[in-house]
Amino acid sequence: MLSDDYNIYCLLRAFALDLKAMETGLRLFGSMTRTRVLLAIAALRETYPREIASVLSIPLLSVQRIVDDLQAQGVVATRLRGNQRQTVLNPTWFAANELSELLSRMVDADAALRDHLAMLRRRPRRKGKPLGDLGKLVTR
């Protein structure tokens, strides 16, 4: 019978290998940052660079450069809405369906990103609505 220490060792080793595979997967599109930007665009469906920078905690300029490069390659499409640059995966790109499916599976595998995106508020708060447990009224 194997000892508990050995079982724990095997679990930790498998977890480390899984993390290594996940890290390698995050470099699939060039760099980890570039891949995470693509994952955020796919998960949020319709977003803008400042929101991506906020969600991923990376500099806005980096996100803007990555989005510019992806747009030049035709992978993402952008349009101005007021003063915001709306960003989506380009549905007319030749491999849009395959890329969308791959990114969807990668988002499912990245639990931290998936949980963070699930907590993200995507619509405005009603004027005068109290903030949860704080019990205070906040007016905008």
Foldseek 3Di string as FASTA:
>chain_A
DDDPVVVVVVVVVVVVVVVVVLCVVCCVPPHVLLSQLLLVQLVVQKDFLVVSCVLVVHDSVVSVVSQVVCVVVVQKDWDDDPNTIIIHGRPPPPCNVVSSVVSVVSLVVPVVSVVSVVPDDDDDDDAQDDDPPPPDTDGD
